[in-house]
Amino acid sequence: MNKKTKEDFTSLIADSYGSHEELARILDLGIEMLFYLEEDTFERKEIQNVVSAIRGIIEVLRLED
């Protein structure tokens, strides 16, 4: 991630969520919500890809604090 993108992402987090930890908490909640999707809404692999992406972001956010 280049410096400008990182600065923009950091500003977005601060403006929208207040802290990296708060965004991580919301993303954790998003993962929990995925468990309650109705059958045949998405392919299993699509859901797994989303969860993997969210978990990756959560890990990075927690390293920032």
Protein backbone atom coordinates (compact mmCIF):
# COMPACT_ATOMS: atom_id res chain seq x y z
CA MET A 1 0.00 0.00 0.00
CA ASN A 2 1.48 3.33 -0.96
CA LYS A 3 1.74 6.21 1.51
CA LYS A 4 -1.22 8.17 0.07
CA THR A 5 -3.50 5.12 0.12
CA LYS A 6 -2.49 4.33 3.69
CA GLU A 7 -3.16 7.93 4.77
CA ASP A 8 -6.56 7.88 3.05
CA PHE A 9 -7.44 4.55 4.68
CA THR A 10 -6.34 5.79 8.09
CA SER A 11 -8.42 8.96 7.68
CA LEU A 12 -11.45 6.93 6.60
CA ILE A 13 -11.13 4.74 9.69
CA ALA A 14 -10.75 7.72 12.02
CA ASP A 15 -13.61 9.69 10.45
CA SER A 16 -16.04 6.80 10.11
CA TYR A 17 -15.25 4.51 13.03
CA GLY A 18 -13.12 6.47 15.49
CA SER A 19 -10.44 3.82 15.85
CA HIS A 20 -8.90 0.77 14.22
CA GLU A 21 -10.28 -1.39 17.03
CA GLU A 22 -13.85 -0.19 16.44
CA LEU A 23 -13.62 -1.07 12.73
CA ALA A 24 -12.16 -4.46 13.66
CA ARG A 25 -15.11 -5.00 16.02
CA ILE A 26 -17.60 -4.16 13.27
CA LEU A 27 -15.85 -6.48 10.83
CA ASP A 28 -15.94 -9.26 13.44
CA LEU A 29 -19.68 -8.70 13.69
CA GLY A 30 -19.89 -8.94 9.88
CA ILE A 31 -18.23 -12.35 10.00
CA GLU A 32 -20.74 -13.47 12.63
CA MET A 33 -23.62 -12.29 10.43
CA LEU A 34 -22.36 -14.45 7.56
CA PHE A 35 -23.25 -17.52 9.63
CA TYR A 36 -26.93 -16.60 9.35
CA LEU A 37 -27.16 -16.27 5.57
CA GLU A 38 -29.96 -18.19 3.94
CA GLU A 39 -28.96 -21.26 1.97
CA ASP A 40 -28.19 -20.80 -1.71
CA THR A 41 -27.75 -17.03 -1.37
CA PHE A 42 -24.05 -17.20 -2.29
CA GLU A 43 -21.61 -19.91 -3.27
CA ARG A 44 -19.70 -21.36 -0.31
CA LYS A 45 -16.37 -20.30 -1.86
CA GLU A 46 -17.60 -16.69 -2.25
CA ILE A 47 -18.45 -16.53 1.46
CA GLN A 48 -15.10 -18.06 2.40
CA ASN A 49 -13.31 -15.44 0.27
CA VAL A 50 -15.18 -12.62 2.01
CA VAL A 51 -14.39 -14.02 5.46
CA SER A 52 -10.71 -14.39 4.55
CA ALA A 53 -10.55 -10.79 3.33
CA ILE A 54 -12.28 -9.45 6.43
CA ARG A 55 -10.03 -11.45 8.75
CA GLY A 56 -6.96 -10.13 6.93
CA ILE A 57 -8.13 -6.56 7.40
CA ILE A 58 -8.91 -7.22 11.08
CA GLU A 59 -5.40 -8.56 11.67
CA VAL A 60 -3.83 -5.46 10.10
CA LEU A 61 -6.10 -3.14 12.07
CA ARG A 62 -5.20 -4.80 15.35
CA LEU A 63 -1.49 -4.45 14.57
CA GLU A 64 -2.01 -0.68 14.13
CA ASP A 65 -3.18 -0.13 17.73
